C-alpha atoms as a PDB file:
ATOM      1  CA  UNK A   1      91.407  48.931-125.710  1.00  0.00           C
ATOM      2  CA  UNK A   2      89.260  47.478-122.923  1.00  0.00           C
ATOM      3  CA  UNK A   3      85.461  47.367-122.966  1.00  0.00           C
ATOM      4  CA  UNK A   4      83.525  46.459-119.820  1.00  0.00           C
ATOM      5  CA  UNK A   5      79.926  45.411-120.575  1.00  0.00           C
ATOM      6  CA  UNK A   6      78.055  44.899-117.311  1.00  0.00           C
ATOM      7  CA  UNK A   7      74.547  45.091-115.861  1.00  0.00           C
ATOM      8  CA  UNK A   8      71.447  42.911-115.498  1.00  0.00           C
ATOM      9  CA  UNK A   9      70.355  43.481-119.114  1.00  0.00           C
ATOM     10  CA  UNK A  10      72.048  40.504-120.752  1.00  0.00           C
ATOM     11  CA  UNK A  11      70.310  41.133-124.080  1.00  0.00           C
ATOM     12  CA  UNK A  12      71.493  44.739-124.217  1.00  0.00           C
ATOM     13  CA  UNK A  13      75.062  43.720-123.437  1.00  0.00           C
ATOM     14  CA  UNK A  14      74.980  41.092-126.197  1.00  0.00           C
ATOM     15  CA  UNK A  15      73.740  43.707-128.648  1.00  0.00           C
ATOM     16  CA  UNK A  16      76.673  45.950-127.676  1.00  0.00           C
ATOM     17  CA  UNK A  17      79.052  43.024-128.119  1.00  0.00           C
ATOM     18  CA  UNK A  18      77.694  42.392-131.615  1.00  0.00           C
ATOM     19  CA  UNK A  19      78.366  46.030-132.587  1.00  0.00           C
ATOM     20  CA  UNK A  20      81.910  45.928-131.190  1.00  0.00           C
ATOM     21  CA  UNK A  21      82.661  42.753-133.161  1.00  0.00           C
ATOM     22  CA  UNK A  22      81.614  44.507-136.375  1.00  0.00           C
ATOM     23  CA  UNK A  23      83.726  47.604-135.727  1.00  0.00           C
ATOM     24  CA  UNK A  24      87.154  45.977-135.670  1.00  0.00           C
ATOM     25  CA  UNK A  25      89.374  44.164-138.141  1.00  0.00           C
ATOM     26  CA  UNK A  26      89.850  40.870-136.287  1.00  0.00           C
ATOM     27  CA  UNK A  27      89.337  38.173-138.945  1.00  0.00           C
ATOM     28  CA  UNK A  28      90.679  34.943-137.439  1.00  0.00           C
ATOM     29  CA  UNK A  29      92.237  36.621-134.409  1.00  0.00           C
ATOM     30  CA  UNK A  30      89.288  36.105-132.061  1.00  0.00           C
ATOM     31  CA  UNK A  31      89.237  34.156-128.806  1.00  0.00           C
ATOM     32  CA  UNK A  32      86.342  33.697-126.365  1.00  0.00           C
ATOM     33  CA  UNK A  33      86.791  32.407-122.815  1.00  0.00           C
ATOM     34  CA  UNK A  34      84.543  31.485-119.906  1.00  0.00           C
ATOM     35  CA  UNK A  35      85.740  33.744-117.095  1.00  0.00           C
ATOM     36  CA  UNK A  36      84.701  31.227-114.439  1.00  0.00           C
ATOM     37  CA  UNK A  37      87.022  28.575-115.905  1.00  0.00           C
ATOM     38  CA  UNK A  38      89.915  30.248-117.723  1.00  0.00           C
ATOM     39  CA  UNK A  39      93.176  30.879-115.921  1.00  0.00           C
ATOM     40  CA  UNK A  40      94.616  34.372-115.691  1.00  0.00           C
ATOM     41  CA  UNK A  41      97.863  33.202-117.300  1.00  0.00           C
ATOM     42  CA  UNK A  42      95.975  32.026-120.386  1.00  0.00           C
ATOM     43  CA  UNK A  43      94.271  35.406-120.733  1.00  0.00           C
ATOM     44  CA  UNK A  44      97.551  37.256-120.389  1.00  0.00           C
ATOM     45  CA  UNK A  45      99.324  35.091-122.974  1.00  0.00           C
ATOM     46  CA  UNK A  46      96.431  35.381-125.458  1.00  0.00           C
ATOM     47  CA  UNK A  47      96.010  39.141-125.081  1.00  0.00           C
ATOM     48  CA  UNK A  48      99.754  39.681-125.419  1.00  0.00           C
ATOM     49  CA  UNK A  49      99.894  37.746-128.698  1.00  0.00           C
ATOM     50  CA  UNK A  50     100.153  39.963-131.765  1.00  0.00           C
ATOM     51  CA  UNK A  51      97.470  39.486-134.449  1.00  0.00           C
ATOM     52  CA  UNK A  52      98.193  37.465-137.574  1.00  0.00           C
ATOM     53  CA  UNK A  53      97.323  39.014-140.966  1.00  0.00           C
ATOM     54  CA  UNK A  54      94.992  41.610-139.434  1.00  0.00           C
ATOM     55  CA  UNK A  55      95.291  44.839-137.483  1.00  0.00           C
ATOM     56  CA  UNK A  56      93.743  43.717-134.201  1.00  0.00           C
ATOM     57  CA  UNK A  57      93.186  40.752-131.909  1.00  0.00           C
ATOM     58  CA  UNK A  58      89.839  40.342-130.103  1.00  0.00           C
ATOM     59  CA  UNK A  59      89.677  38.611-126.727  1.00  0.00           C
ATOM     60  CA  UNK A  60      86.236  38.125-125.122  1.00  0.00           C
ATOM     61  CA  UNK A  61      85.821  37.031-121.510  1.00  0.00           C
ATOM     62  CA  UNK A  62      82.309  35.996-120.474  1.00  0.00           C
ATOM     63  CA  UNK A  63      81.848  36.269-116.713  1.00  0.00           C
ATOM     64  CA  UNK A  64      84.248  36.174-113.780  1.00  0.00           C
ATOM     65  CA  UNK A  65      85.200  33.521-111.214  1.00  0.00           C
ATOM     66  CA  UNK A  66      82.447  32.923-108.678  1.00  0.00           C
ATOM     67  CA  UNK A  67      82.914  34.261-105.198  1.00  0.00           C
ATOM     68  CA  UNK A  68      83.569  31.454-102.760  1.00  0.00           C
ATOM     69  CA  UNK A  69      82.080  31.464 -99.296  1.00  0.00           C
ATOM     70  CA  UNK A  70      84.553  32.605 -96.677  1.00  0.00           C
ATOM     71  CA  UNK A  71      87.299  33.534 -99.135  1.00  0.00           C
ATOM     72  CA  UNK A  72      89.640  36.442 -98.437  1.00  0.00           C
ATOM     73  CA  UNK A  73      88.948  39.660-100.308  1.00  0.00           C
ATOM     74  CA  UNK A  74      92.365  39.546-101.967  1.00  0.00           C
ATOM     75  CA  UNK A  75      94.973  36.864-102.535  1.00  0.00           C
ATOM     76  CA  UNK A  76      98.644  37.367-103.418  1.00  0.00           C
ATOM     77  CA  UNK A  77      99.098  36.983-107.142  1.00  0.00           C
ATOM     78  CA  UNK A  78     101.754  34.567-108.326  1.00  0.00           C
ATOM     79  CA  UNK A  79     103.955  35.787-111.137  1.00  0.00           C
ATOM     80  CA  UNK A  80     102.681  34.433-114.446  1.00  0.00           C
ATOM     81  CA  UNK A  81     106.057  34.789-116.144  1.00  0.00           C
ATOM     82  CA  UNK A  82     108.229  32.969-113.614  1.00  0.00           C
ATOM     83  CA  UNK A  83     109.915  29.838-114.854  1.00  0.00           C
ATOM     84  CA  UNK A  84     109.705  26.616-112.823  1.00  0.00           C
ATOM     85  CA  UNK A  85     112.473  26.161-110.292  1.00  0.00           C
ATOM     86  CA  UNK A  86     115.333  23.965-111.436  1.00  0.00           C
ATOM     87  CA  UNK A  87     116.931  21.471-109.115  1.00  0.00           C
ATOM     88  CA  UNK A  88     119.504  18.689-109.193  1.00  0.00           C
ATOM     89  CA  UNK A  89     118.842  14.959-108.911  1.00  0.00           C
ATOM     90  CA  UNK A  90     119.753  14.909-105.219  1.00  0.00           C
ATOM     91  CA  UNK A  91     117.232  14.361-102.467  1.00  0.00           C
ATOM     92  CA  UNK A  92     117.405  17.999-101.447  1.00  0.00           C
ATOM     93  CA  UNK A  93     116.655  19.021-105.043  1.00  0.00           C
ATOM     94  CA  UNK A  94     113.618  16.739-105.261  1.00  0.00           C
ATOM     95  CA  UNK A  95     112.332  18.019-101.914  1.00  0.00           C
ATOM     96  CA  UNK A  96     112.744  21.587-103.148  1.00  0.00           C
ATOM     97  CA  UNK A  97     110.824  20.677-106.304  1.00  0.00           C
ATOM     98  CA  UNK A  98     108.019  19.125-104.245  1.00  0.00           C
ATOM     99  CA  UNK A  99     107.829  22.221-102.027  1.00  0.00           C
ATOM    100  CA  UNK A 100     107.670  24.408-105.134  1.00  0.00           C
ATOM    101  CA  UNK A 101     104.749  22.404-106.530  1.00  0.00           C
ATOM    102  CA  UNK A 102     102.865  22.606-103.256  1.00  0.00           C
ATOM    103  CA  UNK A 103     103.386  26.367-103.046  1.00  0.00           C
ATOM    104  CA  UNK A 104     102.237  26.910-106.626  1.00  0.00           C
ATOM    105  CA  UNK A 105      99.106  24.819-106.048  1.00  0.00           C
ATOM    106  CA  UNK A 106      98.172  26.769-102.936  1.00  0.00           C
ATOM    107  CA  UNK A 107      98.344  30.133-104.750  1.00  0.00           C
ATOM    108  CA  UNK A 108      94.796  30.388-106.097  1.00  0.00           C
ATOM    109  CA  UNK A 109      93.216  33.667-107.096  1.00  0.00           C
ATOM    110  CA  UNK A 110      90.008  34.725-105.421  1.00  0.00           C
ATOM    111  CA  UNK A 111      87.386  36.666-107.374  1.00  0.00           C
ATOM    112  CA  UNK A 112      88.775  39.946-106.013  1.00  0.00           C
ATOM    113  CA  UNK A 113      92.331  38.857-106.767  1.00  0.00           C
ATOM    114  CA  UNK A 114      91.386  37.915-110.321  1.00  0.00           C
ATOM    115  CA  UNK A 115      89.734  41.318-110.897  1.00  0.00           C
ATOM    116  CA  UNK A 116      92.745  43.188-109.543  1.00  0.00           C
ATOM    117  CA  UNK A 117      95.288  41.171-111.524  1.00  0.00           C
ATOM    118  CA  UNK A 118      93.291  41.494-114.759  1.00  0.00           C
ATOM    119  CA  UNK A 119      92.919  45.254-114.234  1.00  0.00           C
ATOM    120  CA  UNK A 120      96.690  45.569-113.767  1.00  0.00           C
ATOM    121  CA  UNK A 121      97.345  43.580-116.937  1.00  0.00           C
ATOM    122  CA  UNK A 122      95.070  45.849-118.994  1.00  0.00           C
ATOM    123  CA  UNK A 123      97.541  48.729-118.509  1.00  0.00           C
ATOM    124  CA  UNK A 124     100.252  46.608-120.170  1.00  0.00           C
ATOM    125  CA  UNK A 125      98.314  45.123-123.109  1.00  0.00           C
ATOM    126  CA  UNK A 126      99.580  45.811-126.624  1.00  0.00           C
ATOM    127  CA  UNK A 127      97.614  48.418-128.583  1.00  0.00           C
ATOM    128  CA  UNK A 128      96.615  45.773-131.119  1.00  0.00           C
ATOM    129  CA  UNK A 129      94.486  43.899-128.547  1.00  0.00           C
ATOM    130  CA  UNK A 130      90.810  44.615-127.872  1.00  0.00           C
ATOM    131  CA  UNK A 131      89.686  42.963-124.642  1.00  0.00           C
ATOM    132  CA  UNK A 132      85.947  42.744-123.910  1.00  0.00           C
ATOM    133  CA  UNK A 133      84.634  41.579-120.549  1.00  0.00           C
ATOM    134  CA  UNK A 134      80.881  40.863-120.495  1.00  0.00           C
ATOM    135  CA  UNK A 135      79.066  40.352-117.182  1.00  0.00           C
ATOM    136  CA  UNK A 136      75.426  39.651-116.322  1.00  0.00           C
ATOM    137  CA  UNK A 137      75.766  41.704-113.155  1.00  0.00           C
ATOM    138  CA  UNK A 138      76.523  45.289-112.233  1.00  0.00           C
ATOM    139  CA  UNK A 139      79.934  45.948-110.708  1.00  0.00           C
ATOM    140  CA  UNK A 140      80.378  48.468-107.923  1.00  0.00           C
ATOM    141  CA  UNK A 141      81.906  51.833-108.780  1.00  0.00           C
ATOM    142  CA  UNK A 142      85.056  51.014-106.818  1.00  0.00           C
ATOM    143  CA  UNK A 143      85.804  47.873-108.831  1.00  0.00           C
ATOM    144  CA  UNK A 144      89.360  47.910-110.288  1.00  0.00           C
ATOM    145  CA  UNK A 145      87.881  46.731-113.597  1.00  0.00           C
ATOM    146  CA  UNK A 146      85.614  49.780-113.837  1.00  0.00           C
ATOM    147  CA  UNK A 147      88.555  52.035-113.044  1.00  0.00           C
ATOM    148  CA  UNK A 148      90.661  50.280-115.687  1.00  0.00           C
ATOM    149  CA  UNK A 149      87.897  50.649-118.287  1.00  0.00           C
ATOM    150  CA  UNK A 150      87.467  54.350-117.533  1.00  0.00           C
ATOM    151  CA  UNK A 151      91.202  54.942-118.040  1.00  0.00           C
ATOM    152  CA  UNK A 152      91.942  52.559-120.906  1.00  0.00           C
ATOM    153  CA  UNK A 153      88.629  51.975-122.671  1.00  0.00           C
ATOM    154  CA  UNK A 154      84.898  52.283-122.077  1.00  0.00           C
ATOM    155  CA  UNK A 155      82.304  51.202-119.505  1.00  0.00           C
ATOM    156  CA  UNK A 156      79.005  50.172-121.087  1.00  0.00           C
ATOM    157  CA  UNK A 157      76.364  49.419-118.459  1.00  0.00           C
ATOM    158  CA  UNK A 158      73.041  47.914-119.533  1.00  0.00           C
ATOM    159  CA  UNK A 159      70.177  47.858-117.028  1.00  0.00           C
ATOM    160  CA  UNK A 160      66.751  46.317-117.580  1.00  0.00           C
ATOM    161  CA  UNK A 161      64.207  49.064-118.354  1.00  0.00           C
ATOM    162  CA  UNK A 162      61.030  49.363-116.310  1.00  0.00           C
ATOM    163  CA  UNK A 163      57.784  51.320-116.609  1.00  0.00           C
ATOM    164  CA  UNK A 164      57.954  54.188-119.084  1.00  0.00           C
ATOM    165  CA  UNK A 165      61.546  53.276-119.968  1.00  0.00           C
ATOM    166  CA  UNK A 166      60.378  49.816-121.082  1.00  0.00           C
ATOM    167  CA  UNK A 167      57.649  51.266-123.317  1.00  0.00           C
ATOM    168  CA  UNK A 168      60.220  53.684-124.760  1.00  0.00           C
ATOM    169  CA  UNK A 169      62.524  50.711-125.479  1.00  0.00           C
ATOM    170  CA  UNK A 170      59.737  48.933-127.381  1.00  0.00           C
ATOM    171  CA  UNK A 171      59.048  52.050-129.470  1.00  0.00           C
ATOM    172  CA  UNK A 172      62.726  52.488-130.335  1.00  0.00           C
ATOM    173  CA  UNK A 173      63.087  48.802-131.211  1.00  0.00           C
ATOM    174  CA  UNK A 174      60.169  49.057-133.650  1.00  0.00           C
ATOM    175  CA  UNK A 175      61.557  52.250-135.175  1.00  0.00           C
ATOM    176  CA  UNK A 176      64.977  50.631-135.639  1.00  0.00           C
ATOM    177  CA  UNK A 177      63.444  47.955-137.873  1.00  0.00           C
ATOM    178  CA  UNK A 178      61.428  50.540-139.818  1.00  0.00           C
ATOM    179  CA  UNK A 179      57.912  49.975-138.507  1.00  0.00           C
ATOM    180  CA  UNK A 180      55.580  51.958-136.289  1.00  0.00           C
ATOM    181  CA  UNK A 181      53.686  50.636-133.292  1.00  0.00           C
ATOM    182  CA  UNK A 182      50.508  51.901-131.685  1.00  0.00           C
ATOM    183  CA  UNK A 183      50.799  53.083-128.055  1.00  0.00           C
ATOM    184  CA  UNK A 184      48.122  50.546-127.068  1.00  0.00           C
ATOM    185  CA  UNK A 185      50.167  47.751-128.639  1.00  0.00           C
ATOM    186  CA  UNK A 186      53.277  48.987-126.807  1.00  0.00           C
ATOM    187  CA  UNK A 187      51.415  48.884-123.486  1.00  0.00           C
ATOM    188  CA  UNK A 188      50.077  45.397-124.183  1.00  0.00           C
ATOM    189  CA  UNK A 189      53.545  44.020-124.930  1.00  0.00           C
ATOM    190  CA  UNK A 190      55.041  45.761-121.893  1.00  0.00           C
ATOM    191  CA  UNK A 191      52.321  44.525-119.535  1.00  0.00           C
ATOM    192  CA  UNK A 192      52.242  40.917-120.650  1.00  0.00           C
ATOM    193  CA  UNK A 193      55.880  40.168-121.552  1.00  0.00           C
ATOM    194  CA  UNK A 194      57.588  42.644-119.220  1.00  0.00           C
ATOM    195  CA  UNK A 195      61.290  43.431-119.510  1.00  0.00           C
ATOM    196  CA  UNK A 196      62.300  40.061-120.942  1.00  0.00           C
ATOM    197  CA  UNK A 197      64.006  41.908-123.770  1.00  0.00           C
ATOM    198  CA  UNK A 198      65.047  38.943-125.874  1.00  0.00           C
ATOM    199  CA  UNK A 199      61.449  37.721-125.997  1.00  0.00           C
ATOM    200  CA  UNK A 200      60.219  41.242-126.712  1.00  0.00           C
ATOM    201  CA  UNK A 201      62.709  41.673-129.548  1.00  0.00           C
ATOM    202  CA  UNK A 202      61.609  38.363-131.102  1.00  0.00           C
ATOM    203  CA  UNK A 203      57.937  39.343-130.862  1.00  0.00           C
ATOM    204  CA  UNK A 204      58.552  42.781-132.382  1.00  0.00           C
ATOM    205  CA  UNK A 205      60.588  41.245-135.220  1.00  0.00           C
ATOM    206  CA  UNK A 206      57.768  38.787-135.943  1.00  0.00           C
ATOM    207  CA  UNK A 207      55.121  41.523-135.879  1.00  0.00           C
ATOM    208  CA  UNK A 208      57.272  43.735-138.132  1.00  0.00           C
ATOM    209  CA  UNK A 209      57.532  40.930-140.679  1.00  0.00           C
ATOM    210  CA  UNK A 210      53.747  40.596-140.600  1.00  0.00           C
ATOM    211  CA  UNK A 211      52.954  44.313-141.174  1.00  0.00           C
ATOM    212  CA  UNK A 212      55.861  44.847-143.586  1.00  0.00           C
ATOM    213  CA  UNK A 213      58.331  47.765-143.927  1.00  0.00           C
ATOM    214  CA  UNK A 214      56.706  51.067-142.973  1.00  0.00           C
ATOM    215  CA  UNK A 215      53.657  49.273-141.557  1.00  0.00           C
ATOM    216  CA  UNK A 216      51.935  49.874-138.226  1.00  0.00           C
ATOM    217  CA  UNK A 217      51.786  47.242-135.490  1.00  0.00           C
ATOM    218  CA  UNK A 218      48.302  47.463-133.988  1.00  0.00           C
ATOM    219  CA  UNK A 219      46.914  46.029-130.773  1.00  0.00           C
ATOM    220  CA  UNK A 220      44.896  43.517-132.808  1.00  0.00           C
ATOM    221  CA  UNK A 221      48.107  42.230-134.407  1.00  0.00           C
ATOM    222  CA  UNK A 222      49.709  41.704-131.014  1.00  0.00           C
ATOM    223  CA  UNK A 223      46.696  39.819-129.668  1.00  0.00           C
ATOM    224  CA  UNK A 224      46.480  37.567-132.701  1.00  0.00           C
ATOM    225  CA  UNK A 225      50.154  36.893-133.414  1.00  0.00           C
ATOM    226  CA  UNK A 226      51.995  37.048-130.091  1.00  0.00           C
ATOM    227  CA  UNK A 227      51.852  33.634-128.460  1.00  0.00           C
ATOM    228  CA  UNK A 228      53.548  35.015-125.342  1.00  0.00           C
ATOM    229  CA  UNK A 229      50.882  37.695-124.931  1.00  0.00           C
ATOM    230  CA  UNK A 230      48.139  35.109-125.349  1.00  0.00           C
ATOM    231  CA  UNK A 231      49.832  32.826-122.832  1.00  0.00           C
ATOM    232  CA  UNK A 232      50.149  35.716-120.392  1.00  0.00           C
ATOM    233  CA  UNK A 233      46.444  36.520-120.818  1.00  0.00           C
ATOM    234  CA  UNK A 234      45.663  32.900-119.981  1.00  0.00           C
ATOM    235  CA  UNK A 235      47.799  33.371-116.857  1.00  0.00           C
ATOM    236  CA  UNK A 236      45.573  36.306-115.944  1.00  0.00           C
ATOM    237  CA  UNK A 237      42.570  34.027-116.382  1.00  0.00           C
ATOM    238  CA  UNK A 238      43.998  31.335-114.120  1.00  0.00           C
ATOM    239  CA  UNK A 239      45.075  34.045-111.663  1.00  0.00           C
ATOM    240  CA  UNK A 240      41.452  35.143-111.411  1.00  0.00           C
ATOM    241  CA  UNK A 241      40.328  31.529-111.055  1.00  0.00           C
ATOM    242  CA  UNK A 242      42.927  30.911-108.335  1.00  0.00           C
ATOM    243  CA  UNK A 243      41.643  33.926-106.414  1.00  0.00           C
ATOM    244  CA  UNK A 244      38.042  32.645-106.844  1.00  0.00           C
ATOM    245  CA  UNK A 245      37.250  35.901-108.686  1.00  0.00           C
ATOM    246  CA  UNK A 246      34.713  34.383-111.059  1.00  0.00           C
ATOM    247  CA  UNK A 247      33.522  37.743-112.412  1.00  0.00           C
ATOM    248  CA  UNK A 248      37.016  38.761-113.530  1.00  0.00           C
ATOM    249  CA  UNK A 249      37.672  35.271-114.907  1.00  0.00           C
ATOM    250  CA  UNK A 250      34.473  35.388-116.973  1.00  0.00           C
ATOM    251  CA  UNK A 251      35.355  38.860-118.320  1.00  0.00           C
ATOM    252  CA  UNK A 252      38.845  37.742-119.387  1.00  0.00           C
ATOM    253  CA  UNK A 253      37.505  34.571-120.960  1.00  0.00           C
ATOM    254  CA  UNK A 254      34.826  36.431-122.933  1.00  0.00           C
ATOM    255  CA  UNK A 255      37.453  38.956-124.084  1.00  0.00           C
ATOM    256  CA  UNK A 256      39.611  36.118-125.380  1.00  0.00           C
ATOM    257  CA  UNK A 257      36.651  34.606-127.220  1.00  0.00           C
ATOM    258  CA  UNK A 258      35.749  38.025-128.647  1.00  0.00           C
ATOM    259  CA  UNK A 259      39.329  38.369-129.945  1.00  0.00           C
ATOM    260  CA  UNK A 260      38.765  35.224-131.973  1.00  0.00           C
ATOM    261  CA  UNK A 261      40.396  32.675-129.653  1.00  0.00           C
ATOM    262  CA  UNK A 262      38.840  29.285-130.630  1.00  0.00           C
ATOM    263  CA  UNK A 263      37.123  27.651-127.615  1.00  0.00           C
ATOM    264  CA  UNK A 264      38.886  24.315-128.091  1.00  0.00           C
ATOM    265  CA  UNK A 265      42.258  26.054-128.324  1.00  0.00           C
ATOM    266  CA  UNK A 266      41.428  28.057-125.194  1.00  0.00           C
ATOM    267  CA  UNK A 267      40.553  24.866-123.319  1.00  0.00           C
ATOM    268  CA  UNK A 268      43.744  23.227-124.579  1.00  0.00           C
ATOM    269  CA  UNK A 269      45.888  26.179-123.446  1.00  0.00           C
ATOM    270  CA  UNK A 270      44.291  26.293-119.978  1.00  0.00           C
ATOM    271  CA  UNK A 271      44.682  22.511-119.669  1.00  0.00           C
ATOM    272  CA  UNK A 272      48.361  22.734-120.592  1.00  0.00           C
ATOM    273  CA  UNK A 273      48.845  25.493-118.031  1.00  0.00           C
ATOM    274  CA  UNK A 274      47.125  23.569-115.233  1.00  0.00           C
ATOM    275  CA  UNK A 275      49.265  20.534-116.099  1.00  0.00           C
ATOM    276  CA  UNK A 276      52.352  22.756-115.824  1.00  0.00           C
ATOM    277  CA  UNK A 277      51.112  24.097-112.482  1.00  0.00           C
ATOM    278  CA  UNK A 278      50.772  20.527-111.222  1.00  0.00           C
ATOM    279  CA  UNK A 279      54.341  19.637-112.199  1.00  0.00           C
ATOM    280  CA  UNK A 280      55.725  22.911-110.818  1.00  0.00           C
ATOM    281  CA  UNK A 281      53.800  22.409-107.565  1.00  0.00           C
ATOM    282  CA  UNK A 282      55.261  18.927-107.113  1.00  0.00           C
ATOM    283  CA  UNK A 283      58.820  20.054-107.868  1.00  0.00           C
ATOM    284  CA  UNK A 284      58.595  23.133-105.636  1.00  0.00           C
ATOM    285  CA  UNK A 285      57.349  20.989-102.741  1.00  0.00           C
ATOM    286  CA  UNK A 286      60.528  18.934-103.148  1.00  0.00           C
ATOM    287  CA  UNK A 287      62.610  22.094-102.717  1.00  0.00           C
ATOM    288  CA  UNK A 288      63.564  22.542-106.382  1.00  0.00           C
ATOM    289  CA  UNK A 289      64.198  26.197-107.254  1.00  0.00           C
ATOM    290  CA  UNK A 290      62.588  28.054-110.156  1.00  0.00           C
ATOM    291  CA  UNK A 291      65.720  28.027-112.337  1.00  0.00           C
ATOM    292  CA  UNK A 292      66.085  24.259-112.001  1.00  0.00           C
ATOM    293  CA  UNK A 293      62.355  23.772-112.624  1.00  0.00           C
ATOM    294  CA  UNK A 294      62.596  25.777-115.850  1.00  0.00           C
ATOM    295  CA  UNK A 295      65.522  23.650-117.039  1.00  0.00           C
ATOM    296  CA  UNK A 296      63.821  20.385-116.032  1.00  0.00           C
ATOM    297  CA  UNK A 297      60.476  21.161-117.711  1.00  0.00           C
ATOM    298  CA  UNK A 298      61.955  23.045-120.673  1.00  0.00           C
ATOM    299  CA  UNK A 299      59.939  26.183-119.887  1.00  0.00           C
ATOM    300  CA  UNK A 300      60.859  29.862-120.133  1.00  0.00           C
ATOM    301  CA  UNK A 301      62.132  31.142-116.738  1.00  0.00           C
ATOM    302  CA  UNK A 302      59.629  34.025-116.608  1.00  0.00           C
ATOM    303  CA  UNK A 303      56.732  31.576-117.175  1.00  0.00           C
ATOM    304  CA  UNK A 304      57.960  29.456-114.250  1.00  0.00           C
ATOM    305  CA  UNK A 305      58.267  32.568-112.073  1.00  0.00           C
ATOM    306  CA  UNK A 306      54.637  33.481-112.828  1.00  0.00           C
ATOM    307  CA  UNK A 307      53.526  29.918-112.153  1.00  0.00           C
ATOM    308  CA  UNK A 308      55.428  29.801-108.851  1.00  0.00           C
ATOM    309  CA  UNK A 309      53.347  32.741-107.661  1.00  0.00           C
ATOM    310  CA  UNK A 310      50.162  30.945-108.683  1.00  0.00           C
ATOM    311  CA  UNK A 311      50.719  27.480-107.236  1.00  0.00           C
ATOM    312  CA  UNK A 312      50.512  28.791-103.688  1.00  0.00           C
ATOM    313  CA  UNK A 313      46.789  29.420-104.266  1.00  0.00           C
ATOM    314  CA  UNK A 314      46.122  25.730-104.925  1.00  0.00           C
ATOM    315  CA  UNK A 315      46.819  22.437-103.248  1.00  0.00           C
ATOM    316  CA  UNK A 316      47.537  19.305-105.275  1.00  0.00           C
ATOM    317  CA  UNK A 317      43.970  18.001-104.859  1.00  0.00           C
ATOM    318  CA  UNK A 318      42.464  21.209-106.253  1.00  0.00           C
ATOM    319  CA  UNK A 319      44.798  21.215-109.250  1.00  0.00           C
ATOM    320  CA  UNK A 320      44.026  17.565-109.998  1.00  0.00           C
ATOM    321  CA  UNK A 321      40.296  18.330-109.742  1.00  0.00           C
ATOM    322  CA  UNK A 322      40.659  21.325-112.059  1.00  0.00           C
ATOM    323  CA  UNK A 323      42.547  19.186-114.551  1.00  0.00           C
ATOM    324  CA  UNK A 324      39.740  16.570-114.580  1.00  0.00           C
ATOM    325  CA  UNK A 325      37.192  19.359-115.100  1.00  0.00           C
ATOM    326  CA  UNK A 326      39.122  20.650-118.071  1.00  0.00           C
ATOM    327  CA  UNK A 327      39.296  17.197-119.648  1.00  0.00           C
ATOM    328  CA  UNK A 328      35.549  16.743-119.164  1.00  0.00           C
ATOM    329  CA  UNK A 329      34.828  20.177-120.690  1.00  0.00           C
ATOM    330  CA  UNK A 330      37.046  19.368-123.671  1.00  0.00           C
ATOM    331  CA  UNK A 331      35.178  16.100-124.215  1.00  0.00           C
ATOM    332  CA  UNK A 332      31.781  17.829-123.943  1.00  0.00           C
ATOM    333  CA  UNK A 333      32.785  20.421-126.531  1.00  0.00           C
ATOM    334  CA  UNK A 334      34.049  17.806-128.982  1.00  0.00           C
ATOM    335  CA  UNK A 335      30.808  15.832-128.639  1.00  0.00           C
ATOM    336  CA  UNK A 336      28.735  19.023-129.101  1.00  0.00           C
ATOM    337  CA  UNK A 337      26.793  18.361-125.924  1.00  0.00           C
ATOM    338  CA  UNK A 338      27.247  22.008-124.844  1.00  0.00           C
ATOM    339  CA  UNK A 339      27.728  25.312-126.622  1.00  0.00           C
ATOM    340  CA  UNK A 340      31.294  26.627-126.245  1.00  0.00           C
ATOM    341  CA  UNK A 341      30.215  29.637-124.184  1.00  0.00           C
ATOM    342  CA  UNK A 342      28.112  27.541-121.808  1.00  0.00           C
ATOM    343  CA  UNK A 343      30.847  24.918-121.377  1.00  0.00           C
ATOM    344  CA  UNK A 344      33.450  27.558-120.560  1.00  0.00           C
ATOM    345  CA  UNK A 345      31.094  29.428-118.221  1.00  0.00           C
ATOM    346  CA  UNK A 346      30.436  26.218-116.301  1.00  0.00           C
ATOM    347  CA  UNK A 347      34.160  25.560-116.149  1.00  0.00           C
ATOM    348  CA  UNK A 348      34.811  28.971-114.596  1.00  0.00           C
ATOM    349  CA  UNK A 349      31.989  28.599-112.062  1.00  0.00           C
ATOM    350  CA  UNK A 350      33.131  25.149-110.930  1.00  0.00           C
ATOM    351  CA  UNK A 351      36.901  25.608-111.308  1.00  0.00           C
ATOM    352  CA  UNK A 352      38.907  24.189-108.403  1.00  0.00           C
ATOM    353  CA  UNK A 353      35.786  23.451-106.363  1.00  0.00           C
END
């Protein structure tokens, strides 16, 4: 049996993988390989091995070899079962051995060659083996692996939901863990977290724990308990500030205060975000890409992507000035020299000036 899990929805594919693991009787007969590193011969040997003290063997391959620039679409596949050539101790024998080693080294599978060879092997696997290939990309319909899965297993494609499909996903996720969720709460989660499904699932699980079995997740619960939603709302605030839209920035800020956001916490969150914008601005000017920035700063990739869109509205001097303003506002609030509303209003009016 061969299962092909592919598509840009990595979370959905992992959920499918979890279900497939639970369906079979594998016990200790489970092997997981990195497809970018494992050799085809290793996969063939493992998948051809009969299970020990169980009915099935599970082999999981995560990913495929990367496509190399300028490589041929297909490469001749060396036989994986051929024994090494034997030779005598004479000079001609040693030369023959050296030529054999050179030839074997030069036979390297390309990505296309690997796919084709693996697809051919699937037709010969023992019935006791379950092979699962999981990819964070969508394969084309003509891929030999898709054809092999259609004939000898199943193709399970997971694509990231968008728009109404995303809101439907949130509703189904809540229903699956035995809670209800208000349409307004669904829209809020969809708008502020987007189709980052792993984050969404974590937030829904947390909210479900809060309301309890059979409870209803309301928009107030999302605003109060979802740190990612609150962080995204702060992004909207800094977006408005970056665009010099003071009216919108004041409306968002007053909404946050009305929802019970403590002024000092609000200042702290905005300060942390401006500090992140400064670091992201500096790294991006050095040519560092968003994925590397996320890894370097220990931030969620979608937060870095949002920030990358914002930093273009500021230069370093403006961000440094905004950061000093925030520190001064924080100090004024702690010393009770200004009311929270007045301090925050002044911050918005003078932000980035």
